[in-house]
C-alpha cells in the first residue's frame, strides 16, 4: 500500500485519516521526504513548523 500524505500537516500516514490532526483530506501525489527525529533541536523541523517526530512530505499536491 502506498503511503498517503495528510494535506493539512504533511505527515505520511497509512489509512484514510490522520491520527494526529484528524483530517481525512489525503493525497497520494507528494514528493520529498524528511524524517524528523528530534523536533526540539532540529532546524529543519522549525522551518517547516513540525513539533512531533515522524515522516513528512515536503510537497503535497
Foldseek 3Di string as FASTA:
>chain_A
DQWKADPPLQATDPDQADPPPGDRDIASDFADKDFADDLVPDPVCVVSVHDDTHMGTPGGD
